Protein backbone atom coordinates (compact mmCIF):
# COMPACT_ATOMS: atom_id res chain seq x y z
CA UNK A 1 11.99 17.22 6.20
CA UNK A 2 11.27 13.72 4.96
CA UNK A 3 13.19 12.23 2.05
CA UNK A 4 9.87 11.15 0.49
CA UNK A 5 6.61 13.06 0.46
CA UNK A 6 4.79 9.79 1.07
CA UNK A 7 6.03 6.33 1.91
CA UNK A 8 3.70 3.40 1.13
CA UNK A 9 4.19 0.05 2.86
CA UNK A 10 2.49 -3.13 1.66
CA UNK A 11 2.34 -5.93 4.19
CA UNK A 12 3.80 -8.91 2.32
CA UNK A 13 4.11 -11.19 5.31
CA UNK A 14 3.93 -14.96 4.84
CA UNK A 15 2.66 -16.74 7.96
CA UNK A 16 3.03 -20.44 8.64
CA UNK A 17 0.55 -23.13 9.67
CA UNK A 18 -2.34 -21.75 7.63
CA UNK A 19 -2.63 -18.51 9.59
CA UNK A 20 -4.21 -15.62 7.69
CA UNK A 21 -1.61 -13.45 6.00
CA UNK A 22 -1.48 -10.70 3.42
CA UNK A 23 0.85 -12.57 1.09
CA UNK A 24 -1.73 -15.33 0.63
CA UNK A 25 -4.09 -12.63 -0.66
CA UNK A 26 -1.75 -11.46 -3.41
CA UNK A 27 0.03 -8.68 -1.53
CA UNK A 28 3.36 -9.14 -3.34
CA UNK A 29 1.74 -8.80 -6.75
CA UNK A 30 -0.26 -5.77 -5.65
CA UNK A 31 2.88 -4.12 -4.31
CA UNK A 32 4.60 -4.74 -7.63
CA UNK A 33 1.60 -3.30 -9.48
CA UNK A 34 1.48 -0.19 -7.26
CA UNK A 35 5.21 0.37 -7.63
CA UNK A 36 4.92 0.12 -11.42
CA UNK A 37 1.91 2.47 -11.59
CA UNK A 38 3.51 5.07 -9.32
CA UNK A 39 6.60 5.03 -11.54
CA UNK A 40 4.55 5.20 -14.77
CA UNK A 41 2.65 8.21 -13.41
CA UNK A 42 5.90 10.04 -12.55
CA UNK A 43 5.11 10.00 -8.84
CA UNK A 44 8.19 8.07 -7.66
CA UNK A 45 11.59 9.24 -6.54
CA UNK A 46 13.17 11.51 -3.93
CA UNK A 47 10.73 14.12 -2.68
CA UNK A 48 7.84 12.12 -4.14
CA UNK A 49 6.43 8.65 -3.39
CA UNK A 50 8.19 5.44 -2.41
CA UNK A 51 6.39 2.07 -2.48
CA UNK A 52 7.92 -0.64 -0.30
CA UNK A 53 7.33 -4.14 0.97
CA UNK A 54 6.97 -4.52 4.70
CA UNK A 55 7.14 -7.53 6.92
CA UNK A 56 4.15 -8.23 9.13
CA UNK A 57 2.15 -5.11 9.94
CA UNK A 58 0.05 -7.28 12.30
CA UNK A 59 -3.35 -6.53 10.72
CA UNK A 60 -3.53 -9.49 8.32
CA UNK A 61 -6.85 -10.66 9.74
CA UNK A 62 -8.48 -7.44 8.48
CA UNK A 63 -7.57 -8.16 4.88
CA UNK A 64 -4.44 -7.35 2.93
CA UNK A 65 -3.18 -4.03 4.23
CA UNK A 66 -1.15 -1.06 3.13
CA UNK A 67 -0.20 2.00 5.17
CA UNK A 68 0.68 5.44 3.81
CA UNK A 69 3.04 7.68 5.77
CA UNK A 70 3.46 10.36 6.99
CA UNK A 71 -0.34 10.42 7.39
CA UNK A 72 -0.39 6.90 8.92
CA UNK A 73 -3.49 6.01 6.90
CA UNK A 74 -4.25 2.28 6.80
CA UNK A 75 -6.05 0.74 3.82
CA UNK A 76 -7.24 -2.64 2.70
CA UNK A 77 -7.82 -3.57 -0.94
CA UNK A 78 -9.33 -6.28 -3.10
CA UNK A 79 -8.01 -5.66 -6.59
CA UNK A 80 -6.04 -3.36 -8.87
CA UNK A 81 -8.96 -0.94 -9.10
CA UNK A 82 -8.64 -0.34 -5.34
CA UNK A 83 -4.89 0.24 -5.70
CA UNK A 84 -5.54 2.65 -8.59
CA UNK A 85 -8.01 4.55 -6.41
CA UNK A 86 -5.49 4.84 -3.56
CA UNK A 87 -2.87 6.11 -6.03
CA UNK A 88 -5.19 8.61 -7.71
CA UNK A 89 -6.98 9.89 -4.64
CA UNK A 90 -4.41 9.68 -1.84
CA UNK A 91 -1.01 9.76 -3.49
CA UNK A 92 -1.88 12.23 -6.27
CA UNK A 93 -4.69 14.32 -4.79
CA UNK A 94 -4.01 14.00 -1.05
CA UNK A 95 -7.54 12.75 -0.29
CA UNK A 96 -8.12 9.75 1.98
CA UNK A 97 -10.12 6.92 0.36
CA UNK A 98 -12.69 6.44 3.12
CA UNK A 99 -14.24 3.25 1.73
CA UNK A 100 -10.91 1.38 1.91
CA UNK A 101 -9.88 2.45 5.41
CA UNK A 102 -8.97 -0.19 7.98
């Protein structure tokens, strides 16, 4: 049995030499926002949801990315509304947000 029901990883990689990277697209701030919202909604903690920063997930060219385990569902996002939708639909209701899939 997993320690967390779901584990959410935000790619927060910073690449050099002008290469496309998630951190240049606000990934760190979005991770912080998601972590705060998950906590505010009472979804965080052992047996619940954990939001983490990851190093390079090697999909930066496809937009900022986040992956939710154990389902291994990969998302991209543009703004906080997208993060809210992932939280509400996937983390709370267990439904994949098709429009944000990578």
